[in-house]
Amino acid sequence: MGNFKEDIARVRAFVLDVDGVMTDGGIIPTPDGDFVRRYHAQDGYAIAYAIRCGYKVCVISGGRGDMLRRRLEMLGVTRMYLNCMNKIAAIDEFLADSALDPDQVIYMGDDIPDLDCMRRVGVPVCPADACSEVIEASRYVSEYNGGHGAVRDIIEQTLRAQDQWCKSSEGVLGIASR
């Protein structure tokens, strides 16, 4: 573990929690047992852009629901562990299957269930409103809260460090605006 900017220049994958990271943590249960979540559009764009640039993106969350799965699929996330109660087993499986060195991975979490995974990777990060234990375990604390641009912040910083940011003006689905 060295300088933060040097370390993010070696990152090849992003692992993200959902509630409190990709969202503000608020959920609205629906009558059919699913949940409504609010996402930040720039977070979604950054995730899709990183995937198009060849980075691996994995989501590990205790959250569940068809709407969540559809959102992740729309962004191009193919590796997801939803309704996951053993996050460390999930990240270990992802690392092994992806042949990634943990030092090449950023994990963004916000609460106590994320701590083991954060300790497993080279670059643990969190949103500004993460719990104090997660803030203490993080190498970087975004100035943005979960669901308000924290994911975009760390992805953009990482891709800028690798001269990969803003190479294309394509939208989330890979369609250039006219």
C-alpha atoms as a PDB file:
ATOM      1  CA  MET A   1       0.000   0.000   0.000  1.00  0.00           C
ATOM      2  CA  GLY A   2       1.548   3.245  -1.143  1.00  0.00           C
ATOM      3  CA  ASN A   3       0.349   6.643  -2.186  1.00  0.00           C
ATOM      4  CA  PHE A   4      -3.431   6.753  -2.815  1.00  0.00           C
ATOM      5  CA  LYS A   5      -3.114   8.247  -6.317  1.00  0.00           C
ATOM      6  CA  GLU A   6      -0.500   5.637  -7.275  1.00  0.00           C
ATOM      7  CA  ASP A   7      -2.689   2.860  -5.891  1.00  0.00           C
ATOM      8  CA  ILE A   8      -5.810   3.916  -7.801  1.00  0.00           C
ATOM      9  CA  ALA A   9      -3.695   4.032 -10.957  1.00  0.00           C
ATOM     10  CA  ARG A  10      -3.386   0.220 -10.616  1.00  0.00           C
ATOM     11  CA  VAL A  11      -7.088  -0.487  -9.997  1.00  0.00           C
ATOM     12  CA  ARG A  12      -8.831  -2.888 -12.388  1.00  0.00           C
ATOM     13  CA  ALA A  13     -12.122  -3.464 -10.556  1.00  0.00           C
ATOM     14  CA  PHE A  14     -14.751  -1.729  -8.469  1.00  0.00           C
ATOM     15  CA  VAL A  15     -16.834  -3.598  -5.905  1.00  0.00           C
ATOM     16  CA  LEU A  16     -19.827  -1.693  -4.580  1.00  0.00           C
ATOM     17  CA  ASP A  17     -22.476  -2.045  -1.936  1.00  0.00           C
ATOM     18  CA  VAL A  18     -25.917  -0.713  -2.908  1.00  0.00           C
ATOM     19  CA  ASP A  19     -27.959   0.752  -0.051  1.00  0.00           C
ATOM     20  CA  GLY A  20     -26.067   3.706   1.385  1.00  0.00           C
ATOM     21  CA  VAL A  21     -23.498   3.703  -1.448  1.00  0.00           C
ATOM     22  CA  MET A  22     -25.355   3.649  -4.773  1.00  0.00           C
ATOM     23  CA  THR A  23     -28.429   4.993  -2.966  1.00  0.00           C
ATOM     24  CA  ASP A  24     -29.017   7.264   0.007  1.00  0.00           C
ATOM     25  CA  GLY A  25     -30.064   4.202   2.015  1.00  0.00           C
ATOM     26  CA  GLY A  26     -33.769   4.918   1.890  1.00  0.00           C
ATOM     27  CA  ILE A  27     -35.989   2.102   0.641  1.00  0.00           C
ATOM     28  CA  ILE A  28     -39.710   1.971   0.018  1.00  0.00           C
ATOM     29  CA  PRO A  29     -41.208  -1.529   0.211  1.00  0.00           C
ATOM     30  CA  THR A  30     -43.730  -2.357  -2.495  1.00  0.00           C
ATOM     31  CA  PRO A  31     -46.765  -4.623  -1.978  1.00  0.00           C
ATOM     32  CA  ASP A  32     -45.107  -7.389  -4.047  1.00  0.00           C
ATOM     33  CA  GLY A  33     -42.059  -7.508  -1.728  1.00  0.00           C
ATOM     34  CA  ASP A  34     -39.682  -5.498  -3.914  1.00  0.00           C
ATOM     35  CA  PHE A  35     -38.141  -2.170  -2.951  1.00  0.00           C
ATOM     36  CA  VAL A  36     -38.020   1.255  -4.581  1.00  0.00           C
ATOM     37  CA  ARG A  37     -34.591   2.898  -4.391  1.00  0.00           C
ATOM     38  CA  ARG A  38     -33.410   6.276  -5.628  1.00  0.00           C
ATOM     39  CA  TYR A  39     -30.168   6.325  -7.642  1.00  0.00           C
ATOM     40  CA  HIS A  40     -27.928   9.181  -8.748  1.00  0.00           C
ATOM     41  CA  ALA A  41     -27.746   9.381 -12.552  1.00  0.00           C
ATOM     42  CA  GLN A  42     -24.045  10.342 -12.551  1.00  0.00           C
ATOM     43  CA  ASP A  43     -23.189   7.307 -10.423  1.00  0.00           C
ATOM     44  CA  GLY A  44     -24.943   5.118 -12.979  1.00  0.00           C
ATOM     45  CA  TYR A  45     -23.168   6.763 -15.879  1.00  0.00           C
ATOM     46  CA  ALA A  46     -19.777   6.286 -14.213  1.00  0.00           C
ATOM     47  CA  ILE A  47     -20.463   2.598 -13.571  1.00  0.00           C
ATOM     48  CA  ALA A  48     -21.523   1.984 -17.168  1.00  0.00           C
ATOM     49  CA  TYR A  49     -18.581   4.012 -18.477  1.00  0.00           C
ATOM     50  CA  ALA A  50     -16.072   2.054 -16.375  1.00  0.00           C
ATOM     51  CA  ILE A  51     -17.503  -1.213 -17.707  1.00  0.00           C
ATOM     52  CA  ARG A  52     -17.232   0.048 -21.309  1.00  0.00           C
ATOM     53  CA  CYS A  53     -13.607   0.957 -20.580  1.00  0.00           C
ATOM     54  CA  GLY A  54     -12.917  -2.645 -19.560  1.00  0.00           C
ATOM     55  CA  TYR A  55     -13.010  -2.398 -15.772  1.00  0.00           C
ATOM     56  CA  LYS A  56     -14.739  -5.118 -13.802  1.00  0.00           C
ATOM     57  CA  VAL A  57     -17.659  -3.981 -11.648  1.00  0.00           C
ATOM     58  CA  CYS A  58     -19.169  -6.230  -9.007  1.00  0.00           C
ATOM     59  CA  VAL A  59     -22.039  -5.443  -6.662  1.00  0.00           C
ATOM     60  CA  ILE A  60     -22.260  -7.175  -3.288  1.00  0.00           C
ATOM     61  CA  SER A  61     -25.353  -6.247  -1.322  1.00  0.00           C
ATOM     62  CA  GLY A  62     -27.729  -7.518   1.306  1.00  0.00           C
ATOM     63  CA  GLY A  63     -30.337  -5.726  -0.782  1.00  0.00           C
ATOM     64  CA  ARG A  64     -32.633  -7.637  -3.062  1.00  0.00           C
ATOM     65  CA  GLY A  65     -35.407  -7.163  -5.578  1.00  0.00           C
ATOM     66  CA  ASP A  66     -36.168  -7.362  -9.269  1.00  0.00           C
ATOM     67  CA  MET A  67     -35.950  -3.587  -9.662  1.00  0.00           C
ATOM     68  CA  LEU A  68     -32.427  -3.598  -8.225  1.00  0.00           C
ATOM     69  CA  ARG A  69     -31.347  -6.453 -10.502  1.00  0.00           C
ATOM     70  CA  ARG A  70     -32.815  -4.698 -13.555  1.00  0.00           C
ATOM     71  CA  ARG A  71     -31.037  -1.442 -12.668  1.00  0.00           C
ATOM     72  CA  LEU A  72     -27.683  -3.208 -12.418  1.00  0.00           C
ATOM     73  CA  GLU A  73     -28.257  -5.131 -15.648  1.00  0.00           C
ATOM     74  CA  MET A  74     -29.186  -1.881 -17.422  1.00  0.00           C
ATOM     75  CA  LEU A  75     -25.823  -0.427 -16.384  1.00  0.00           C
ATOM     76  CA  GLY A  76     -24.002  -3.511 -17.678  1.00  0.00           C
ATOM     77  CA  VAL A  77     -23.145  -5.078 -14.314  1.00  0.00           C
ATOM     78  CA  THR A  78     -22.912  -8.824 -14.842  1.00  0.00           C
ATOM     79  CA  ARG A  79     -21.345  -9.828 -11.538  1.00  0.00           C
ATOM     80  CA  MET A  80     -23.717  -9.281  -8.635  1.00  0.00           C
ATOM     81  CA  TYR A  81     -24.345 -10.902  -5.292  1.00  0.00           C
ATOM     82  CA  LEU A  82     -27.763  -9.758  -4.098  1.00  0.00           C
ATOM     83  CA  ASN A  83     -29.493 -10.728  -0.852  1.00  0.00           C
ATOM     84  CA  CYS A  84     -25.951 -11.616   0.225  1.00  0.00           C
ATOM     85  CA  MET A  85     -25.414 -12.345   3.887  1.00  0.00           C
ATOM     86  CA  ASN A  86     -21.776 -13.457   3.547  1.00  0.00           C
ATOM     87  CA  LYS A  87     -20.039 -10.610   1.756  1.00  0.00           C
ATOM     88  CA  ILE A  88     -16.498 -11.873   2.413  1.00  0.00           C
ATOM     89  CA  ALA A  89     -17.268 -15.201   0.687  1.00  0.00           C
ATOM     90  CA  ALA A  90     -18.725 -13.249  -2.248  1.00  0.00           C
ATOM     91  CA  ILE A  91     -15.693 -11.003  -2.659  1.00  0.00           C
ATOM     92  CA  ASP A  92     -13.321 -13.955  -2.333  1.00  0.00           C
ATOM     93  CA  GLU A  93     -15.242 -15.763  -5.091  1.00  0.00           C
ATOM     94  CA  PHE A  94     -15.197 -12.646  -7.289  1.00  0.00           C
ATOM     95  CA  LEU A  95     -11.456 -12.155  -6.783  1.00  0.00           C
ATOM     96  CA  ALA A  96     -10.694 -15.808  -7.543  1.00  0.00           C
ATOM     97  CA  ASP A  97     -12.966 -15.988 -10.604  1.00  0.00           C
ATOM     98  CA  SER A  98     -11.617 -12.696 -11.958  1.00  0.00           C
ATOM     99  CA  ALA A  99      -7.958 -13.541 -11.248  1.00  0.00           C
ATOM    100  CA  LEU A 100      -7.550 -10.164  -9.573  1.00  0.00           C
ATOM    101  CA  ASP A 101      -4.971  -9.214  -6.988  1.00  0.00           C
ATOM    102  CA  PRO A 102      -6.860  -7.599  -4.072  1.00  0.00           C
ATOM    103  CA  ASP A 103      -4.562  -4.565  -4.433  1.00  0.00           C
ATOM    104  CA  GLN A 104      -6.188  -3.923  -7.839  1.00  0.00           C
ATOM    105  CA  VAL A 105      -9.647  -3.571  -6.308  1.00  0.00           C
ATOM    106  CA  ILE A 106     -11.618  -0.689  -4.831  1.00  0.00           C
ATOM    107  CA  TYR A 107     -14.427  -1.592  -2.452  1.00  0.00           C
ATOM    108  CA  MET A 108     -16.951   1.108  -1.543  1.00  0.00           C
ATOM    109  CA  GLY A 109     -19.069   0.386   1.506  1.00  0.00           C
ATOM    110  CA  ASP A 110     -20.926   2.397   4.097  1.00  0.00           C
ATOM    111  CA  ASP A 111     -21.760   0.196   7.067  1.00  0.00           C
ATOM    112  CA  ILE A 112     -20.479  -2.546   9.366  1.00  0.00           C
ATOM    113  CA  PRO A 113     -21.349  -5.466   7.021  1.00  0.00           C
ATOM    114  CA  ASP A 114     -18.856  -3.994   4.528  1.00  0.00           C
ATOM    115  CA  LEU A 115     -15.849  -3.903   6.862  1.00  0.00           C
ATOM    116  CA  ASP A 116     -14.486  -7.393   6.161  1.00  0.00           C
ATOM    117  CA  CYS A 117     -14.567  -6.760   2.409  1.00  0.00           C
ATOM    118  CA  MET A 118     -12.962  -3.366   2.848  1.00  0.00           C
ATOM    119  CA  ARG A 119     -10.109  -4.971   4.774  1.00  0.00           C
ATOM    120  CA  ARG A 120      -9.704  -7.573   1.995  1.00  0.00           C
ATOM    121  CA  VAL A 121      -8.952  -5.117  -0.845  1.00  0.00           C
ATOM    122  CA  GLY A 122      -6.156  -2.658  -1.534  1.00  0.00           C
ATOM    123  CA  VAL A 123      -8.308   0.448  -1.783  1.00  0.00           C
ATOM    124  CA  PRO A 124     -11.234   0.621   0.661  1.00  0.00           C
ATOM    125  CA  VAL A 125     -13.327   3.776   0.234  1.00  0.00           C
ATOM    126  CA  CYS A 126     -16.647   5.121   1.458  1.00  0.00           C
ATOM    127  CA  PRO A 127     -19.229   7.893   1.043  1.00  0.00           C
ATOM    128  CA  ALA A 128     -19.106  10.909   3.357  1.00  0.00           C
ATOM    129  CA  ASP A 129     -22.055   9.675   5.407  1.00  0.00           C
ATOM    130  CA  ALA A 130     -20.699   6.177   6.124  1.00  0.00           C
ATOM    131  CA  CYS A 131     -20.660   4.964   9.713  1.00  0.00           C
ATOM    132  CA  SER A 132     -17.615   5.927  11.778  1.00  0.00           C
ATOM    133  CA  GLU A 133     -16.083   2.431  11.709  1.00  0.00           C
ATOM    134  CA  VAL A 134     -16.152   2.393   7.903  1.00  0.00           C
ATOM    135  CA  ILE A 135     -14.721   5.907   7.684  1.00  0.00           C
ATOM    136  CA  GLU A 136     -11.876   4.803   9.931  1.00  0.00           C
ATOM    137  CA  ALA A 137     -11.192   1.733   7.734  1.00  0.00           C
ATOM    138  CA  SER A 138     -11.223   3.749   4.482  1.00  0.00           C
ATOM    139  CA  ARG A 139      -8.247   5.036   2.561  1.00  0.00           C
ATOM    140  CA  TYR A 140     -10.489   7.667   0.974  1.00  0.00           C
ATOM    141  CA  VAL A 141     -13.740   9.262   2.116  1.00  0.00           C
ATOM    142  CA  SER A 142     -15.687  10.885  -0.707  1.00  0.00           C
ATOM    143  CA  GLU A 143     -16.974  14.373  -0.142  1.00  0.00           C
ATOM    144  CA  TYR A 144     -20.328  13.071  -1.425  1.00  0.00           C
ATOM    145  CA  ASN A 145     -22.931  11.087   0.470  1.00  0.00           C
ATOM    146  CA  GLY A 146     -24.180   7.703  -0.655  1.00  0.00           C
ATOM    147  CA  GLY A 147     -26.645   8.049  -3.517  1.00  0.00           C
ATOM    148  CA  HIS A 148     -25.421  11.582  -4.195  1.00  0.00           C
ATOM    149  CA  GLY A 149     -22.341  11.073  -6.350  1.00  0.00           C
ATOM    150  CA  ALA A 150     -19.900   9.119  -4.153  1.00  0.00           C
ATOM    151  CA  VAL A 151     -19.653   6.281  -6.689  1.00  0.00           C
ATOM    152  CA  ARG A 152     -19.055   8.723  -9.542  1.00  0.00           C
ATOM    153  CA  ASP A 153     -16.392  10.461  -7.441  1.00  0.00           C
ATOM    154  CA  ILE A 154     -14.213   7.377  -6.920  1.00  0.00           C
ATOM    155  CA  ILE A 155     -14.704   5.970 -10.428  1.00  0.00           C
ATOM    156  CA  GLU A 156     -13.892   9.313 -12.027  1.00  0.00           C
ATOM    157  CA  GLN A 157     -10.789   9.783  -9.868  1.00  0.00           C
ATOM    158  CA  THR A 158      -9.575   6.295 -10.712  1.00  0.00           C
ATOM    159  CA  LEU A 159     -10.141   6.612 -14.440  1.00  0.00           C
ATOM    160  CA  ARG A 160      -8.533  10.075 -14.474  1.00  0.00           C
ATOM    161  CA  ALA A 161      -5.468   8.616 -12.718  1.00  0.00           C
ATOM    162  CA  GLN A 162      -5.260   6.123 -15.599  1.00  0.00           C
ATOM    163  CA  ASP A 163      -6.043   8.668 -18.331  1.00  0.00           C
ATOM    164  CA  GLN A 164      -9.267   6.801 -19.156  1.00  0.00           C
ATOM    165  CA  TRP A 165     -11.862   9.395 -18.131  1.00  0.00           C
ATOM    166  CA  CYS A 166     -13.870  11.287 -20.749  1.00  0.00           C
ATOM    167  CA  LYS A 167     -12.483   9.408 -23.743  1.00  0.00           C
ATOM    168  CA  SER A 168     -15.989   9.085 -25.185  1.00  0.00           C
ATOM    169  CA  SER A 169     -19.254  10.990 -24.938  1.00  0.00           C
ATOM    170  CA  GLU A 170     -21.385   7.863 -25.251  1.00  0.00           C
ATOM    171  CA  GLY A 171     -24.369   7.449 -22.989  1.00  0.00           C
ATOM    172  CA  VAL A 172     -25.089   4.590 -20.609  1.00  0.00           C
ATOM    173  CA  LEU A 173     -26.130   2.265 -23.419  1.00  0.00           C
ATOM    174  CA  GLY A 174     -23.130   3.155 -25.578  1.00  0.00           C
ATOM    175  CA  ILE A 175     -25.061   5.529 -27.814  1.00  0.00           C
ATOM    176  CA  ALA A 176     -23.351   8.809 -28.730  1.00  0.00           C
ATOM    177  CA  SER A 177     -25.485  11.912 -28.327  1.00  0.00           C
ATOM    178  CA  ARG A 178     -26.135  13.976 -31.434  1.00  0.00           C
END
